[in-house]
Amino acid sequence: MTTIKLTNINKTFGKGLSKVHVLHDINFEANKGELILVLGPSGSGKSTFLTITGGLQTPTSGTVELNGKSLTSASKKDLEKLRLDKIGFVLQSYNLLPYLNVREQFQLVDRVKKQGNLDKKRFDDLIMTLGIEDLLHKYPSELSGGQNQRVAIARALYTDPEIILADEPTAALDSDRVAEVGKMLQELAKEKNKAIVVVTHDLRLQNYADRIYHIIDGKMTEDKATTETKEATEQK
C-alpha cells in the first residue's frame, strides 16, 4: 500500500485580483523504505506541499491519503492524533519552545505521547549522531541556527514516526553534518521502513535519495533519470 498519496492537489490563496495559485495539479506518491527529495527554489511551493501532505493545511482541491485513509474527511481531532502518532515534522522554524532546555524538549514529548518514543539507547545514539549530546542543558536562544536545526531533527525522530516530513533540514548545516543527516535519513528509511520526504534546495542530499521530484512555480515533475540510475546501481 502506498504510504503517502496526493492526487490532483491545487492550493490557492486570496481572491479576485489578489488570488495566487501556489500548487498546480500535484500528483505524488511515497512508500515506506524510501527517502524522497523534492527539490525547488525558494517560493516554488515546497513548504505548502509539505504542510498539505502532513495535514497542517488543507488543499483547495484534490485528495491527500496516508496509509489509504483520506485526510480530507478527517476530523480535527483525528488529524491531531495522526500527526502525534504517525508523523514527524522538521520545519524551518524549528518549533522549539524557548523556555525549555534541550532535554526538556524531549521530556515534554514524553508527557504528550506516552508510548512509542525512542528508548534510552536509541535516543543516546540519535543525539550522538547529530552531535547534540553536549547541548542538553542549553536553551534554544543559546544555540546557533545549525544546533537548533539538529535538535529539531532529533525531536522529530524521537517519536519514532512512520512518516518523516522535513522542510530544509540541512539548510544551516556544514557539509560534514549534511552527510551525517543524509546517511541517517537513508538508514531510517531502509532499516526502519519509514517513508521520508524532504523538501529542499540543498543539492548535497541528492546522493542519499531513492527518488527525486522537482517543483517549480507550483508544478511538480519526477526526475525519472535519477530514479533509473539509482535502481540500476542497486541491481549491480
Protein backbone atom coordinates (compact mmCIF):
# COMPACT_ATOMS: atom_id res chain seq x y z
CA MET A 1 0.00 0.00 0.00
CA THR A 2 1.22 3.47 -0.85
CA THR A 3 2.01 5.35 2.37
CA ILE A 4 1.52 8.88 1.03
CA LYS A 5 -0.62 9.72 -1.98
CA LEU A 6 -1.53 13.17 -3.27
CA THR A 7 -3.92 13.35 -6.21
CA ASN A 8 -4.55 16.48 -8.28
CA ILE A 9 -3.68 18.83 -5.43
CA ASN A 10 -4.30 22.53 -6.02
CA LYS A 11 -3.78 25.29 -3.50
CA THR A 12 -4.76 28.92 -3.91
CA PHE A 13 -4.60 31.87 -1.55
CA GLY A 14 -6.64 35.06 -1.77
CA LYS A 15 -9.46 36.01 -4.11
CA GLY A 16 -10.02 38.03 -7.23
CA LEU A 17 -7.04 40.07 -8.37
CA SER A 18 -5.05 39.02 -5.28
CA LYS A 19 -5.57 35.31 -5.91
CA VAL A 20 -2.33 33.30 -6.02
CA HIS A 21 -2.23 29.75 -7.37
CA VAL A 22 0.56 28.14 -5.33
CA LEU A 23 0.22 24.46 -6.29
CA HIS A 24 -0.98 23.18 -9.67
CA ASP A 25 -2.39 19.64 -10.01
CA ILE A 26 0.24 17.96 -7.84
CA ASN A 27 0.40 14.17 -8.02
CA PHE A 28 2.83 12.46 -5.68
CA GLU A 29 3.40 9.09 -4.01
CA ALA A 30 5.80 7.84 -1.35
CA ASN A 31 6.25 4.41 0.16
CA LYS A 32 7.84 3.07 3.29
CA GLY A 33 11.50 2.35 2.82
CA GLU A 34 12.02 5.41 0.62
CA LEU A 35 13.84 8.69 1.08
CA ILE A 36 12.38 11.15 -1.41
CA LEU A 37 13.67 14.62 -2.16
CA VAL A 38 11.51 17.42 -3.50
CA LEU A 39 13.89 19.99 -4.94
CA GLY A 40 12.98 23.55 -5.81
CA PRO A 41 13.95 27.18 -5.29
CA SER A 42 12.50 29.43 -2.59
CA GLY A 43 8.91 30.36 -3.38
CA SER A 44 8.31 27.31 -5.54
CA GLY A 45 5.59 25.87 -3.28
CA LYS A 46 7.73 23.27 -1.46
CA SER A 47 6.66 24.22 2.06
CA THR A 48 2.98 24.42 1.10
CA PHE A 49 3.24 20.98 -0.47
CA LEU A 50 4.80 19.56 2.70
CA THR A 51 2.28 21.06 5.13
CA ILE A 52 -0.62 19.81 2.98
CA THR A 53 0.98 16.34 2.92
CA GLY A 54 1.10 16.32 6.72
CA GLY A 55 -2.40 17.67 7.23
CA LEU A 56 -1.29 21.05 8.57
CA GLN A 57 -3.04 22.76 5.66
CA THR A 58 -5.96 21.69 3.50
CA PRO A 59 -5.78 21.81 -0.30
CA THR A 60 -8.18 23.94 -2.30
CA SER A 61 -8.92 20.83 -4.37
CA GLY A 62 -7.61 17.29 -4.65
CA THR A 63 -7.10 14.49 -2.13
CA VAL A 64 -4.42 13.51 0.38
CA GLU A 65 -4.22 9.94 1.64
CA LEU A 66 -1.96 8.49 4.30
CA ASN A 67 -1.94 4.70 4.55
CA GLY A 68 -5.05 4.61 2.40
CA LYS A 69 -7.04 6.99 4.61
CA SER A 70 -8.20 10.33 3.31
CA LEU A 71 -7.18 13.41 5.27
CA THR A 72 -9.84 15.48 3.53
CA SER A 73 -12.68 13.96 5.54
CA ALA A 74 -10.73 13.52 8.79
CA SER A 75 -11.82 15.48 11.85
CA LYS A 76 -9.52 17.94 13.55
CA LYS A 77 -9.10 15.51 16.45
CA ASP A 78 -8.20 12.65 14.10
CA LEU A 79 -5.66 14.83 12.30
CA GLU A 80 -4.02 15.82 15.59
CA LYS A 81 -3.77 12.17 16.66
CA LEU A 82 -2.35 11.20 13.28
CA ARG A 83 0.33 13.89 13.46
CA LEU A 84 1.21 12.92 17.02
CA ASP A 85 1.40 9.17 16.43
CA LYS A 86 2.48 8.76 12.82
CA ILE A 87 4.25 11.88 11.50
CA GLY A 88 7.50 13.55 12.48
CA PHE A 89 7.83 17.14 11.25
CA VAL A 90 11.09 19.03 10.81
CA LEU A 91 10.06 22.60 10.00
CA GLN A 92 12.22 25.60 9.10
CA SER A 93 11.03 27.48 12.18
CA TYR A 94 12.42 24.65 14.42
CA ASN A 95 9.30 24.93 16.68
CA LEU A 96 11.39 24.55 19.83
CA LEU A 97 9.88 26.01 22.99
CA PRO A 98 12.12 28.88 24.15
CA TYR A 99 11.51 28.32 27.87
CA LEU A 100 12.58 24.66 27.81
CA ASN A 101 16.15 23.45 27.53
CA VAL A 102 17.02 20.76 25.01
CA ARG A 103 16.48 17.82 27.37
CA GLU A 104 13.13 19.25 28.48
CA GLN A 105 12.00 19.45 24.84
CA PHE A 106 12.11 15.64 24.77
CA GLN A 107 10.59 15.27 28.23
CA LEU A 108 7.63 17.31 27.02
CA VAL A 109 7.16 14.87 24.15
CA ASP A 110 7.08 12.03 26.70
CA ARG A 111 4.25 13.77 28.55
CA VAL A 112 2.22 14.34 25.40
CA LYS A 113 2.93 10.98 23.71
CA LYS A 114 3.35 8.47 26.49
CA GLN A 115 4.22 5.38 24.43
CA GLY A 116 6.25 4.50 21.37
CA ASN A 117 9.07 7.03 21.77
CA LEU A 118 12.72 6.06 21.49
CA ASP A 119 14.21 4.13 24.37
CA LYS A 120 17.31 5.46 26.12
CA LYS A 121 19.82 3.59 23.95
CA ARG A 122 18.29 4.71 20.66
CA PHE A 123 17.93 8.25 21.99
CA ASP A 124 21.58 8.31 23.05
CA ASP A 125 22.60 7.00 19.61
CA LEU A 126 20.49 9.68 17.92
CA ILE A 127 21.90 12.63 19.85
CA MET A 128 25.44 11.30 19.37
CA THR A 129 24.90 11.01 15.61
CA LEU A 130 23.59 14.57 15.48
CA GLY A 131 26.28 15.88 17.82
CA ILE A 132 23.93 17.44 20.37
CA GLU A 133 24.85 15.37 23.43
CA ASP A 134 26.61 18.38 24.99
CA LEU A 135 23.67 20.72 24.37
CA LEU A 136 21.03 19.05 26.55
CA HIS A 137 21.10 21.74 29.26
CA LYS A 138 21.12 24.69 26.88
CA TYR A 139 18.11 26.75 25.76
CA PRO A 140 17.25 27.46 22.10
CA SER A 141 18.39 31.08 22.46
CA GLU A 142 21.86 29.82 23.46
CA LEU A 143 22.23 27.69 20.33
CA SER A 144 23.33 28.53 16.81
CA GLY A 145 20.98 28.03 13.86
CA GLY A 146 22.68 24.77 12.95
CA GLN A 147 22.46 23.48 16.52
CA ASN A 148 18.76 24.36 16.74
CA GLN A 149 18.23 22.58 13.45
CA ARG A 150 19.89 19.41 14.72
CA VAL A 151 17.80 19.50 17.91
CA ALA A 152 14.65 19.94 15.81
CA ILE A 153 15.61 16.90 13.71
CA ALA A 154 16.21 14.84 16.86
CA ARG A 155 12.89 15.87 18.38
CA ALA A 156 11.01 14.92 15.20
CA LEU A 157 12.69 11.49 15.17
CA TYR A 158 12.23 10.93 18.91
CA THR A 159 8.59 9.84 18.49
CA ASP A 160 9.73 7.07 16.10
CA PRO A 161 7.20 8.12 13.44
CA GLU A 162 6.26 6.06 10.38
CA ILE A 163 6.41 9.17 8.21
CA ILE A 164 9.02 11.94 8.39
CA LEU A 165 8.36 15.24 6.63
CA ALA A 166 11.29 17.65 6.63
CA ASP A 167 11.46 21.22 5.33
CA GLU A 168 15.05 22.30 4.56
CA PRO A 169 16.52 20.18 7.40
CA THR A 170 20.12 20.79 6.32
CA ALA A 171 19.96 24.47 5.36
CA ALA A 172 22.11 25.63 8.29
CA LEU A 173 24.48 22.66 8.38
CA ASP A 174 28.02 22.30 7.06
CA SER A 175 28.83 19.57 4.54
CA ASP A 176 30.03 17.05 7.15
CA ARG A 177 26.76 17.37 9.08
CA VAL A 178 24.76 17.19 5.84
CA ALA A 179 26.45 13.88 5.07
CA GLU A 180 25.64 12.55 8.55
CA VAL A 181 21.99 13.64 8.35
CA GLY A 182 21.61 12.31 4.80
CA LYS A 183 23.06 8.94 5.77
CA MET A 184 20.91 8.78 8.91
CA LEU A 185 17.70 9.53 6.97
CA GLN A 186 18.66 6.96 4.33
CA GLU A 187 19.24 4.31 7.02
CA LEU A 188 15.97 5.16 8.78
CA ALA A 189 14.10 4.69 5.52
CA LYS A 190 15.77 1.38 4.69
CA GLU A 191 16.36 -0.23 8.07
CA LYS A 192 13.31 1.09 9.95
CA ASN A 193 10.98 1.04 6.92
CA LYS A 194 9.93 4.69 7.15
CA ALA A 195 8.58 6.97 4.44
CA ILE A 196 10.72 10.11 4.43
CA VAL A 197 10.04 13.21 2.33
CA VAL A 198 12.49 16.10 2.36
CA VAL A 199 11.75 19.38 0.59
CA THR A 200 14.91 21.35 0.00
CA HIS A 201 17.12 23.28 -2.37
CA ASP A 202 20.20 21.58 -0.89
CA LEU A 203 21.69 19.52 -3.73
CA ARG A 204 24.11 17.89 -1.27
CA LEU A 205 21.35 15.45 -0.30
CA GLN A 206 20.82 14.04 -3.79
CA ASN A 207 23.13 11.06 -3.34
CA TYR A 208 21.04 9.73 -0.45
CA ALA A 209 17.65 9.85 -2.20
CA ASP A 210 15.75 6.95 -3.74
CA ARG A 211 13.64 9.28 -5.85
CA ILE A 212 13.78 12.98 -6.67
CA TYR A 213 10.97 15.33 -7.63
CA HIS A 214 11.33 18.90 -8.82
CA ILE A 215 8.83 21.62 -8.04
CA ILE A 216 8.97 24.95 -9.88
CA ASP A 217 6.23 27.58 -9.82
CA GLY A 218 3.95 25.11 -8.07
CA LYS A 219 4.26 22.39 -10.72
CA MET A 220 5.85 19.05 -9.85
CA THR A 221 7.71 16.56 -12.03
CA GLU A 222 9.61 13.41 -11.11
CA ASP A 223 13.26 13.10 -12.09
CA LYS A 224 12.98 9.74 -13.86
CA ALA A 225 16.64 9.69 -14.90
CA THR A 226 17.79 9.84 -11.27
CA THR A 227 15.41 7.06 -10.27
CA GLU A 228 16.52 4.79 -13.10
CA THR A 229 20.20 5.41 -12.34
CA LYS A 230 19.63 4.61 -8.65
CA GLU A 231 17.79 1.39 -9.46
CA ALA A 232 20.48 0.28 -11.92
CA THR A 233 23.21 0.92 -9.34
CA GLU A 234 21.38 -1.09 -6.67
CA GLN A 235 20.93 -4.07 -9.05
CA LYS A 236 24.67 -4.37 -9.71
